[in-house]
Amino acid sequence: MEWTDHAIVLGVRRHGETSVVAEVMTRDRGRHFGLVRSGRSRAMQPVLQPGNVVEVTWRARLEEHLGDFRVEPVRLRAGQLMETATSVYGVQALASLLRLLPER
């Protein structure tokens, strides 16, 4: 199974030595998790900041599996969101509220 969609990065957490599990919110699929291989590399860390808009391609054998994300940057606005304390608070509040939604 495979799909591609634009998404907003909500957060990431470590998985092993080089990978991360990314949490994104997509328009068509809702809140979704996926494994990003080499997500802790210097090239991927700026892309996987909360608030960035990315294009994700999710691929797994079955729909119930975690699956892999292939991530391409669309609009990197995390730096703009971190300029003021109010916008940082807003991103954190929205991400915490979105985590209350069920996955997929």
PDB file of N, CA and C in Angstrom:
ATOM      1  N   MET A   1       0.843  -1.168   0.000  1.00  0.00           N
ATOM      2  CA  MET A   1       0.000   0.000   0.000  1.00  0.00           C
ATOM      3  C   MET A   1       0.887   1.229   0.000  1.00  0.00           C
ATOM      4  N   GLU A   2       0.475   2.250  -0.720  1.00  0.00           N
ATOM      5  CA  GLU A   2       1.279   3.464  -0.829  1.00  0.00           C
ATOM      6  C   GLU A   2       0.372   4.652  -1.110  1.00  0.00           C
ATOM      7  N   TRP A   3       0.707   5.806  -0.498  1.00  0.00           N
ATOM      8  CA  TRP A   3       0.016   7.051  -0.789  1.00  0.00           C
ATOM      9  C   TRP A   3       0.965   8.228  -0.617  1.00  0.00           C
ATOM     10  N   THR A   4       0.641   9.345  -1.254  1.00  0.00           N
ATOM     11  CA  THR A   4       1.436  10.572  -1.173  1.00  0.00           C
ATOM     12  C   THR A   4       0.500  11.725  -0.854  1.00  0.00           C
ATOM     13  N   ASP A   5       0.947  12.617   0.058  1.00  0.00           N
ATOM     14  CA  ASP A   5       0.118  13.750   0.458  1.00  0.00           C
ATOM     15  C   ASP A   5       0.998  14.834   1.057  1.00  0.00           C
ATOM     16  N   HIS A   6       0.498  16.074   1.056  1.00  0.00           N
ATOM     17  CA  HIS A   6       1.171  17.161   1.767  1.00  0.00           C
ATOM     18  C   HIS A   6       0.803  17.046   3.244  1.00  0.00           C
ATOM     19  N   ALA A   7       1.754  17.379   4.118  1.00  0.00           N
ATOM     20  CA  ALA A   7       1.527  17.227   5.548  1.00  0.00           C
ATOM     21  C   ALA A   7       2.271  18.300   6.327  1.00  0.00           C
ATOM     22  N   ILE A   8       1.825  18.532   7.549  1.00  0.00           N
ATOM     23  CA  ILE A   8       2.512  19.407   8.496  1.00  0.00           C
ATOM     24  C   ILE A   8       3.137  18.519   9.554  1.00  0.00           C
ATOM     25  N   VAL A   9       4.411  18.732   9.826  1.00  0.00           N
ATOM     26  CA  VAL A   9       5.121  17.940  10.822  1.00  0.00           C
ATOM     27  C   VAL A   9       4.664  18.379  12.207  1.00  0.00           C
ATOM     28  N   LEU A  10       4.188  17.420  13.012  1.00  0.00           N
ATOM     29  CA  LEU A  10       3.778  17.696  14.386  1.00  0.00           C
ATOM     30  C   LEU A  10       4.887  17.400  15.378  1.00  0.00           C
ATOM     31  N   GLY A  11       5.705  16.410  15.082  1.00  0.00           N
ATOM     32  CA  GLY A  11       6.794  16.058  15.978  1.00  0.00           C
ATOM     33  C   GLY A  11       7.511  14.809  15.507  1.00  0.00           C
ATOM     34  N   VAL A  12       8.661  14.560  16.115  1.00  0.00           N
ATOM     35  CA  VAL A  12       9.443  13.365  15.815  1.00  0.00           C
ATOM     36  C   VAL A  12       9.989  12.802  17.119  1.00  0.00           C
ATOM     37  N   ARG A  13      10.260  11.502  17.109  1.00  0.00           N
ATOM     38  CA  ARG A  13      10.935  10.872  18.247  1.00  0.00           C
ATOM     39  C   ARG A  13      11.924   9.843  17.728  1.00  0.00           C
ATOM     40  N   ARG A  14      12.982   9.649  18.485  1.00  0.00           N
ATOM     41  CA  ARG A  14      14.061   8.765  18.069  1.00  0.00           C
ATOM     42  C   ARG A  14      13.593   7.325  17.938  1.00  0.00           C
ATOM     43  N   HIS A  15      14.202   6.643  16.990  1.00  0.00           N
ATOM     44  CA  HIS A  15      13.956   5.211  16.802  1.00  0.00           C
ATOM     45  C   HIS A  15      15.266   4.601  16.332  1.00  0.00           C
ATOM     46  N   GLY A  16      15.971   3.959  17.225  1.00  0.00           N
ATOM     47  CA  GLY A  16      17.268   3.401  16.875  1.00  0.00           C
ATOM     48  C   GLY A  16      18.331   4.479  16.825  1.00  0.00           C
ATOM     49  N   GLU A  17      19.402   4.202  16.112  1.00  0.00           N
ATOM     50  CA  GLU A  17      20.526   5.128  16.067  1.00  0.00           C
ATOM     51  C   GLU A  17      20.357   6.239  15.041  1.00  0.00           C
ATOM     52  N   THR A  18      19.768   5.955  13.895  1.00  0.00           N
ATOM     53  CA  THR A  18      19.710   6.961  12.828  1.00  0.00           C
ATOM     54  C   THR A  18      18.295   7.318  12.382  1.00  0.00           C
ATOM     55  N   SER A  19      17.312   6.563  12.777  1.00  0.00           N
ATOM     56  CA  SER A  19      15.948   6.785  12.283  1.00  0.00           C
ATOM     57  C   SER A  19      15.105   7.544  13.303  1.00  0.00           C
ATOM     58  N   VAL A  20      13.984   8.078  12.831  1.00  0.00           N
ATOM     59  CA  VAL A  20      13.002   8.729  13.694  1.00  0.00           C
ATOM     60  C   VAL A  20      11.610   8.271  13.276  1.00  0.00           C
ATOM     61  N   VAL A  21      10.679   8.353  14.208  1.00  0.00           N
ATOM     62  CA  VAL A  21       9.269   8.139  13.910  1.00  0.00           C
ATOM     63  C   VAL A  21       8.642   9.523  13.829  1.00  0.00           C
ATOM     64  N   ALA A  22       8.159   9.882  12.658  1.00  0.00           N
ATOM     65  CA  ALA A  22       7.582  11.206  12.429  1.00  0.00           C
ATOM     66  C   ALA A  22       6.071  11.143  12.599  1.00  0.00           C
ATOM     67  N   GLU A  23       5.541  12.183  13.225  1.00  0.00           N
ATOM     68  CA  GLU A  23       4.095  12.344  13.382  1.00  0.00           C
ATOM     69  C   GLU A  23       3.687  13.532  12.528  1.00  0.00           C
ATOM     70  N   VAL A  24       2.796  13.307  11.575  1.00  0.00           N
ATOM     71  CA  VAL A  24       2.377  14.361  10.658  1.00  0.00           C
ATOM     72  C   VAL A  24       0.851  14.433  10.614  1.00  0.00           C
ATOM     73  N   MET A  25       0.361  15.586  10.186  1.00  0.00           N
ATOM     74  CA  MET A  25      -1.074  15.775   9.972  1.00  0.00           C
ATOM     75  C   MET A  25      -1.281  16.056   8.489  1.00  0.00           C
ATOM     76  N   THR A  26      -2.009  15.151   7.832  1.00  0.00           N
ATOM     77  CA  THR A  26      -2.278  15.296   6.405  1.00  0.00           C
ATOM     78  C   THR A  26      -3.727  15.717   6.194  1.00  0.00           C
ATOM     79  N   ARG A  27      -3.988  16.286   5.052  1.00  0.00           N
ATOM     80  CA  ARG A  27      -5.354  16.732   4.743  1.00  0.00           C
ATOM     81  C   ARG A  27      -6.274  15.546   4.495  1.00  0.00           C
ATOM     82  N   ASP A  28      -5.821  14.561   3.734  1.00  0.00           N
ATOM     83  CA  ASP A  28      -6.677  13.439   3.353  1.00  0.00           C
ATOM     84  C   ASP A  28      -6.644  12.286   4.349  1.00  0.00           C
ATOM     85  N   ARG A  29      -5.507  12.055   4.998  1.00  0.00           N
ATOM     86  CA  ARG A  29      -5.332  10.880   5.862  1.00  0.00           C
ATOM     87  C   ARG A  29      -5.382  11.191   7.350  1.00  0.00           C
ATOM     88  N   GLY A  30      -5.400  12.446   7.734  1.00  0.00           N
ATOM     89  CA  GLY A  30      -5.435  12.808   9.148  1.00  0.00           C
ATOM     90  C   GLY A  30      -4.064  12.667   9.808  1.00  0.00           C
ATOM     91  N   ARG A  31      -4.078  12.411  11.096  1.00  0.00           N
ATOM     92  CA  ARG A  31      -2.835  12.250  11.853  1.00  0.00           C
ATOM     93  C   ARG A  31      -2.229  10.888  11.537  1.00  0.00           C
ATOM     94  N   HIS A  32      -0.947  10.886  11.203  1.00  0.00           N
ATOM     95  CA  HIS A  32      -0.325   9.654  10.750  1.00  0.00           C
ATOM     96  C   HIS A  32       1.108   9.572  11.245  1.00  0.00           C
ATOM     97  N   PHE A  33       1.572   8.354  11.526  1.00  0.00           N
ATOM     98  CA  PHE A  33       2.944   8.097  11.935  1.00  0.00           C
ATOM     99  C   PHE A  33       3.663   7.332  10.836  1.00  0.00           C
ATOM    100  N   GLY A  34       4.976   7.498  10.776  1.00  0.00           N
ATOM    101  CA  GLY A  34       5.784   6.746   9.831  1.00  0.00           C
ATOM    102  C   GLY A  34       7.252   6.814  10.199  1.00  0.00           C
ATOM    103  N   LEU A  35       7.995   5.812   9.818  1.00  0.00           N
ATOM    104  CA  LEU A  35       9.417   5.741  10.098  1.00  0.00           C
ATOM    105  C   LEU A  35      10.183   6.463   8.997  1.00  0.00           C
ATOM    106  N   VAL A  36      11.057   7.386   9.407  1.00  0.00           N
ATOM    107  CA  VAL A  36      11.914   8.101   8.462  1.00  0.00           C
ATOM    108  C   VAL A  36      13.332   7.595   8.673  1.00  0.00           C
ATOM    109  N   ARG A  37      13.815   6.836   7.714  1.00  0.00           N
ATOM    110  CA  ARG A  37      15.183   6.319   7.815  1.00  0.00           C
ATOM    111  C   ARG A  37      16.169   7.463   7.594  1.00  0.00           C
ATOM    112  N   SER A  38      17.233   7.480   8.377  1.00  0.00           N
ATOM    113  CA  SER A  38      18.240   8.554   8.373  1.00  0.00           C
ATOM    114  C   SER A  38      17.609   9.893   8.734  1.00  0.00           C
ATOM    115  N   GLY A  39      16.592   9.861   9.556  1.00  0.00           N
ATOM    116  CA  GLY A  39      15.917  11.083   9.972  1.00  0.00           C
ATOM    117  C   GLY A  39      16.722  11.930  10.940  1.00  0.00           C
ATOM    118  N   ARG A  40      17.769  11.367  11.530  1.00  0.00           N
ATOM    119  CA  ARG A  40      18.609  12.129  12.447  1.00  0.00           C
ATOM    120  C   ARG A  40      19.842  12.695  11.758  1.00  0.00           C
ATOM    121  N   SER A  41      19.901  12.599  10.435  1.00  0.00           N
ATOM    122  CA  SER A  41      21.046  13.126   9.691  1.00  0.00           C
ATOM    123  C   SER A  41      20.984  14.649   9.650  1.00  0.00           C
ATOM    124  N   ARG A  42      22.103  15.256   9.332  1.00  0.00           N
ATOM    125  CA  ARG A  42      22.161  16.726   9.256  1.00  0.00           C
ATOM    126  C   ARG A  42      21.257  17.275   8.156  1.00  0.00           C
ATOM    127  N   ALA A  43      21.048  16.518   7.117  1.00  0.00           N
ATOM    128  CA  ALA A  43      20.206  16.978   6.019  1.00  0.00           C
ATOM    129  C   ALA A  43      18.721  16.914   6.370  1.00  0.00           C
ATOM    130  N   MET A  44      18.306  15.927   7.172  1.00  0.00           N
ATOM    131  CA  MET A  44      16.884  15.741   7.468  1.00  0.00           C
ATOM    132  C   MET A  44      16.414  16.480   8.719  1.00  0.00           C
ATOM    133  N   GLN A  45      17.293  16.788   9.657  1.00  0.00           N
ATOM    134  CA  GLN A  45      16.864  17.443  10.889  1.00  0.00           C
ATOM    135  C   GLN A  45      16.153  18.773  10.655  1.00  0.00           C
ATOM    136  N   PRO A  46      16.651  19.660   9.759  1.00  0.00           N
ATOM    137  CA  PRO A  46      15.904  20.906   9.524  1.00  0.00           C
ATOM    138  C   PRO A  46      14.549  20.682   8.872  1.00  0.00           C
ATOM    139  N   VAL A  47      14.413  19.633   8.086  1.00  0.00           N
ATOM    140  CA  VAL A  47      13.151  19.351   7.388  1.00  0.00           C
ATOM    141  C   VAL A  47      12.096  18.839   8.360  1.00  0.00           C
ATOM    142  N   LEU A  48      12.504  18.086   9.372  1.00  0.00           N
ATOM    143  CA  LEU A  48      11.568  17.439  10.286  1.00  0.00           C
ATOM    144  C   LEU A  48      11.268  18.267  11.536  1.00  0.00           C
ATOM    145  N   GLN A  49      11.363  19.586  11.441  1.00  0.00           N
ATOM    146  CA  GLN A  49      11.014  20.460  12.558  1.00  0.00           C
ATOM    147  C   GLN A  49       9.500  20.688  12.579  1.00  0.00           C
ATOM    148  N   PRO A  50       8.894  20.737  13.783  1.00  0.00           N
ATOM    149  CA  PRO A  50       7.442  20.961  13.863  1.00  0.00           C
ATOM    150  C   PRO A  50       7.029  22.264  13.188  1.00  0.00           C
ATOM    151  N   GLY A  51       5.969  22.187  12.405  1.00  0.00           N
ATOM    152  CA  GLY A  51       5.444  23.347  11.695  1.00  0.00           C
ATOM    153  C   GLY A  51       5.803  23.377  10.225  1.00  0.00           C
ATOM    154  N   ASN A  52       6.789  22.603   9.802  1.00  0.00           N
ATOM    155  CA  ASN A  52       7.178  22.578   8.394  1.00  0.00           C
ATOM    156  C   ASN A  52       6.144  21.828   7.557  1.00  0.00           C
ATOM    157  N   VAL A  53       5.954  22.292   6.332  1.00  0.00           N
ATOM    158  CA  VAL A  53       5.079  21.609   5.389  1.00  0.00           C
ATOM    159  C   VAL A  53       5.963  20.727   4.511  1.00  0.00           C
ATOM    160  N   VAL A  54       5.620  19.456   4.441  1.00  0.00           N
ATOM    161  CA  VAL A  54       6.407  18.489   3.675  1.00  0.00           C
ATOM    162  C   VAL A  54       5.477  17.653   2.809  1.00  0.00           C
ATOM    163  N   GLU A  55       6.061  17.032   1.805  1.00  0.00           N
ATOM    164  CA  GLU A  55       5.323  16.048   1.012  1.00  0.00           C
ATOM    165  C   GLU A  55       5.816  14.677   1.453  1.00  0.00           C
ATOM    166  N   VAL A  56       4.906  13.855   1.946  1.00  0.00           N
ATOM    167  CA  VAL A  56       5.283  12.539   2.436  1.00  0.00           C
ATOM    168  C   VAL A  56       4.712  11.465   1.518  1.00  0.00           C
ATOM    169  N   THR A  57       5.519  10.448   1.327  1.00  0.00           N
ATOM    170  CA  THR A  57       5.072   9.243   0.641  1.00  0.00           C
ATOM    171  C   THR A  57       5.167   8.121   1.650  1.00  0.00           C
ATOM    172  N   TRP A  58       4.033   7.552   1.998  1.00  0.00           N
ATOM    173  CA  TRP A  58       3.968   6.476   2.995  1.00  0.00           C
ATOM    174  C   TRP A  58       3.873   5.157   2.251  1.00  0.00           C
ATOM    175  N   ARG A  59       4.654   4.194   2.708  1.00  0.00           N
ATOM    176  CA  ARG A  59       4.661   2.884   2.052  1.00  0.00           C
ATOM    177  C   ARG A  59       4.741   1.796   3.114  1.00  0.00           C
ATOM    178  N   ALA A  60       3.854   0.826   3.025  1.00  0.00           N
ATOM    179  CA  ALA A  60       3.858  -0.336   3.918  1.00  0.00           C
ATOM    180  C   ALA A  60       3.167  -1.491   3.212  1.00  0.00           C
ATOM    181  N   ARG A  61       3.387  -2.671   3.726  1.00  0.00           N
ATOM    182  CA  ARG A  61       2.759  -3.843   3.117  1.00  0.00           C
ATOM    183  C   ARG A  61       1.273  -3.889   3.424  1.00  0.00           C
ATOM    184  N   LEU A  62       0.915  -3.603   4.682  1.00  0.00           N
ATOM    185  CA  LEU A  62      -0.482  -3.564   5.097  1.00  0.00           C
ATOM    186  C   LEU A  62      -0.796  -2.201   5.691  1.00  0.00           C
ATOM    187  N   GLU A  63      -2.057  -1.827   5.681  1.00  0.00           N
ATOM    188  CA  GLU A  63      -2.452  -0.517   6.199  1.00  0.00           C
ATOM    189  C   GLU A  63      -2.232  -0.401   7.708  1.00  0.00           C
ATOM    190  N   GLU A  64      -2.263  -1.513   8.439  1.00  0.00           N
ATOM    191  CA  GLU A  64      -2.095  -1.482   9.888  1.00  0.00           C
ATOM    192  C   GLU A  64      -0.644  -1.297  10.317  1.00  0.00           C
ATOM    193  N   HIS A  65       0.321  -1.489   9.408  1.00  0.00           N
ATOM    194  CA  HIS A  65       1.738  -1.375   9.753  1.00  0.00           C
ATOM    195  C   HIS A  65       2.145   0.085   9.932  1.00  0.00           C
ATOM    196  N   LEU A  66       3.273   0.286  10.645  1.00  0.00           N
ATOM    197  CA  LEU A  66       3.811   1.632  10.838  1.00  0.00           C
ATOM    198  C   LEU A  66       4.191   2.245   9.499  1.00  0.00           C
ATOM    199  N   GLY A  67       4.902   1.543   8.682  1.00  0.00           N
ATOM    200  CA  GLY A  67       5.258   2.021   7.352  1.00  0.00           C
ATOM    201  C   GLY A  67       6.421   2.991   7.358  1.00  0.00           C
ATOM    202  N   ASP A  68       6.945   3.253   6.175  1.00  0.00           N
ATOM    203  CA  ASP A  68       8.069   4.166   5.979  1.00  0.00           C
ATOM    204  C   ASP A  68       7.574   5.435   5.312  1.00  0.00           C
ATOM    205  N   PHE A  69       8.132   6.571   5.744  1.00  0.00           N
ATOM    206  CA  PHE A  69       7.893   7.853   5.092  1.00  0.00           C
ATOM    207  C   PHE A  69       9.096   8.211   4.243  1.00  0.00           C
ATOM    208  N   ARG A  70       8.843   8.699   3.048  1.00  0.00           N
ATOM    209  CA  ARG A  70       9.854   9.404   2.273  1.00  0.00           C
ATOM    210  C   ARG A  70       9.420  10.861   2.305  1.00  0.00           C
ATOM    211  N   VAL A  71      10.276  11.731   2.821  1.00  0.00           N
ATOM    212  CA  VAL A  71       9.904  13.119   3.111  1.00  0.00           C
ATOM    213  C   VAL A  71      10.647  14.068   2.176  1.00  0.00           C
ATOM    214  N   GLU A  72       9.891  14.994   1.579  1.00  0.00           N
ATOM    215  CA  GLU A  72      10.457  16.047   0.732  1.00  0.00           C
ATOM    216  C   GLU A  72       9.942  17.385   1.253  1.00  0.00           C
ATOM    217  N   PRO A  73      10.825  18.369   1.453  1.00  0.00           N
ATOM    218  CA  PRO A  73      10.366  19.670   1.964  1.00  0.00           C
ATOM    219  C   PRO A  73       9.554  20.433   0.924  1.00  0.00           C
ATOM    220  N   VAL A  74       8.498  21.085   1.380  1.00  0.00           N
ATOM    221  CA  VAL A  74       7.687  21.946   0.531  1.00  0.00           C
ATOM    222  C   VAL A  74       7.852  23.391   0.987  1.00  0.00           C
ATOM    223  N   ARG A  75       7.633  23.638   2.283  1.00  0.00           N
ATOM    224  CA  ARG A  75       7.776  24.986   2.848  1.00  0.00           C
ATOM    225  C   ARG A  75       8.355  24.846   4.248  1.00  0.00           C
ATOM    226  N   LEU A  76       9.570  25.331   4.436  1.00  0.00           N
ATOM    227  CA  LEU A  76      10.235  25.245   5.734  1.00  0.00           C
ATOM    228  C   LEU A  76       9.991  26.544   6.493  1.00  0.00           C
ATOM    229  N   ARG A  77       8.998  26.529   7.357  1.00  0.00           N
ATOM    230  CA  ARG A  77       8.645  27.738   8.088  1.00  0.00           C
ATOM    231  C   ARG A  77       8.865  27.614   9.592  1.00  0.00           C
ATOM    232  N   ALA A  78       9.549  26.572  10.040  1.00  0.00           N
ATOM    233  CA  ALA A  78       9.780  26.388  11.468  1.00  0.00           C
ATOM    234  C   ALA A  78      10.605  27.540  12.042  1.00  0.00           C
ATOM    235  N   GLY A  79      11.568  28.043  11.274  1.00  0.00           N
ATOM    236  CA  GLY A  79      12.374  29.170  11.732  1.00  0.00           C
ATOM    237  C   GLY A  79      11.535  30.417  11.959  1.00  0.00           C
ATOM    238  N   GLN A  80      10.573  30.678  11.082  1.00  0.00           N
ATOM    239  CA  GLN A  80       9.680  31.828  11.247  1.00  0.00           C
ATOM    240  C   GLN A  80       8.780  31.651  12.460  1.00  0.00           C
ATOM    241  N   LEU A  81       8.349  30.420  12.719  1.00  0.00           N
ATOM    242  CA  LEU A  81       7.477  30.169  13.856  1.00  0.00           C
ATOM    243  C   LEU A  81       8.215  30.288  15.181  1.00  0.00           C
ATOM    244  N   MET A  82       9.532  30.146  15.161  1.00  0.00           N
ATOM    245  CA  MET A  82      10.307  30.201  16.396  1.00  0.00           C
ATOM    246  C   MET A  82      10.813  31.605  16.720  1.00  0.00           C
ATOM    247  N   GLU A  83      10.462  32.607  15.922  1.00  0.00           N
ATOM    248  CA  GLU A  83      10.961  33.960  16.147  1.00  0.00           C
ATOM    249  C   GLU A  83      10.357  34.613  17.374  1.00  0.00           C
ATOM    250  N   THR A  84       9.094  34.353  17.657  1.00  0.00           N
ATOM    251  CA  THR A  84       8.455  34.971  18.823  1.00  0.00           C
ATOM    252  C   THR A  84       7.934  33.899  19.767  1.00  0.00           C
ATOM    253  N   ALA A  85       7.854  34.243  21.028  1.00  0.00           N
ATOM    254  CA  ALA A  85       7.385  33.294  22.036  1.00  0.00           C
ATOM    255  C   ALA A  85       5.922  32.919  21.807  1.00  0.00           C
ATOM    256  N   THR A  86       5.131  33.857  21.311  1.00  0.00           N
ATOM    257  CA  THR A  86       3.714  33.586  21.072  1.00  0.00           C
ATOM    258  C   THR A  86       3.521  32.519  20.005  1.00  0.00           C
ATOM    259  N   SER A  87       4.282  32.594  18.925  1.00  0.00           N
ATOM    260  CA  SER A  87       4.123  31.597  17.869  1.00  0.00           C
ATOM    261  C   SER A  87       4.647  30.229  18.299  1.00  0.00           C
ATOM    262  N   VAL A  88       5.701  30.190  19.119  1.00  0.00           N
ATOM    263  CA  VAL A  88       6.190  28.913  19.653  1.00  0.00           C
ATOM    264  C   VAL A  88       5.113  28.280  20.528  1.00  0.00           C
ATOM    265  N   TYR A  89       4.503  29.089  21.374  1.00  0.00           N
ATOM    266  CA  TYR A  89       3.426  28.591  22.233  1.00  0.00           C
ATOM    267  C   TYR A  89       2.251  28.098  21.394  1.00  0.00           C
ATOM    268  N   GLY A  90       1.912  28.826  20.328  1.00  0.00           N
ATOM    269  CA  GLY A  90       0.804  28.417  19.475  1.00  0.00           C
ATOM    270  C   GLY A  90       1.053  27.082  18.793  1.00  0.00           C
ATOM    271  N   VAL A  91       2.272  26.872  18.287  1.00  0.00           N
ATOM    272  CA  VAL A  91       2.606  25.601  17.645  1.00  0.00           C
ATOM    273  C   VAL A  91       2.539  24.461  18.648  1.00  0.00           C
ATOM    274  N   GLN A  92       3.060  24.677  19.855  1.00  0.00           N
ATOM    275  CA  GLN A  92       3.025  23.636  20.887  1.00  0.00           C
ATOM    276  C   GLN A  92       1.595  23.315  21.302  1.00  0.00           C
ATOM    277  N   ALA A  93       0.770  24.339  21.447  1.00  0.00           N
ATOM    278  CA  ALA A  93      -0.616  24.116  21.849  1.00  0.00           C
ATOM    279  C   ALA A  93      -1.396  23.364  20.767  1.00  0.00           C
ATOM    280  N   LEU A  94      -1.234  23.770  19.513  1.00  0.00           N
ATOM    281  CA  LEU A  94      -1.934  23.086  18.428  1.00  0.00           C
ATOM    282  C   LEU A  94      -1.470  21.641  18.276  1.00  0.00           C
ATOM    283  N   ALA A  95      -0.164  21.413  18.389  1.00  0.00           N
ATOM    284  CA  ALA A  95       0.342  20.043  18.265  1.00  0.00           C
ATOM    285  C   ALA A  95      -0.175  19.169  19.394  1.00  0.00           C
ATOM    286  N   SER A  96      -0.254  19.712  20.607  1.00  0.00           N
ATOM    287  CA  SER A  96      -0.764  18.902  21.719  1.00  0.00           C
ATOM    288  C   SER A  96      -2.254  18.608  21.555  1.00  0.00           C
ATOM    289  N   LEU A  97      -3.020  19.544  21.013  1.00  0.00           N
ATOM    290  CA  LEU A  97      -4.443  19.291  20.772  1.00  0.00           C
ATOM    291  C   LEU A  97      -4.648  18.279  19.645  1.00  0.00           C
ATOM    292  N   LEU A  98      -3.826  18.359  18.613  1.00  0.00           N
ATOM    293  CA  LEU A  98      -3.946  17.411  17.507  1.00  0.00           C
ATOM    294  C   LEU A  98      -3.583  15.995  17.933  1.00  0.00           C
ATOM    295  N   ARG A  99      -2.764  15.857  18.961  1.00  0.00           N
ATOM    296  CA  ARG A  99      -2.399  14.528  19.445  1.00  0.00           C
ATOM    297  C   ARG A  99      -3.573  13.838  20.134  1.00  0.00           C
ATOM    298  N   LEU A 100      -4.624  14.565  20.449  1.00  0.00           N
ATOM    299  CA  LEU A 100      -5.816  13.958  21.031  1.00  0.00           C
ATOM    300  C   LEU A 100      -6.676  13.255  19.970  1.00  0.00           C
ATOM    301  N   LEU A 101      -6.446  13.582  18.703  1.00  0.00           N
ATOM    302  CA  LEU A 101      -7.186  12.935  17.626  1.00  0.00           C
ATOM    303  C   LEU A 101      -6.704  11.502  17.443  1.00  0.00           C
ATOM    304  N   PRO A 102      -7.570  10.611  17.014  1.00  0.00           N
ATOM    305  CA  PRO A 102      -7.112   9.239  16.753  1.00  0.00           C
ATOM    306  C   PRO A 102      -6.213   9.210  15.527  1.00  0.00           C
ATOM    307  N   GLU A 103      -5.325   8.236  15.522  1.00  0.00           N
ATOM    308  CA  GLU A 103      -4.444   8.083  14.374  1.00  0.00           C
ATOM    309  C   GLU A 103      -5.218   7.516  13.206  1.00  0.00           C
ATOM    310  N   ARG A 104      -4.906   8.033  12.012  1.00  0.00           N
ATOM    311  CA  ARG A 104      -5.499   7.621  10.735  1.00  0.00           C
ATOM    312  C   ARG A 104      -6.976   7.862  10.727  1.00  0.00           C
TER     313      ARG A 104
END
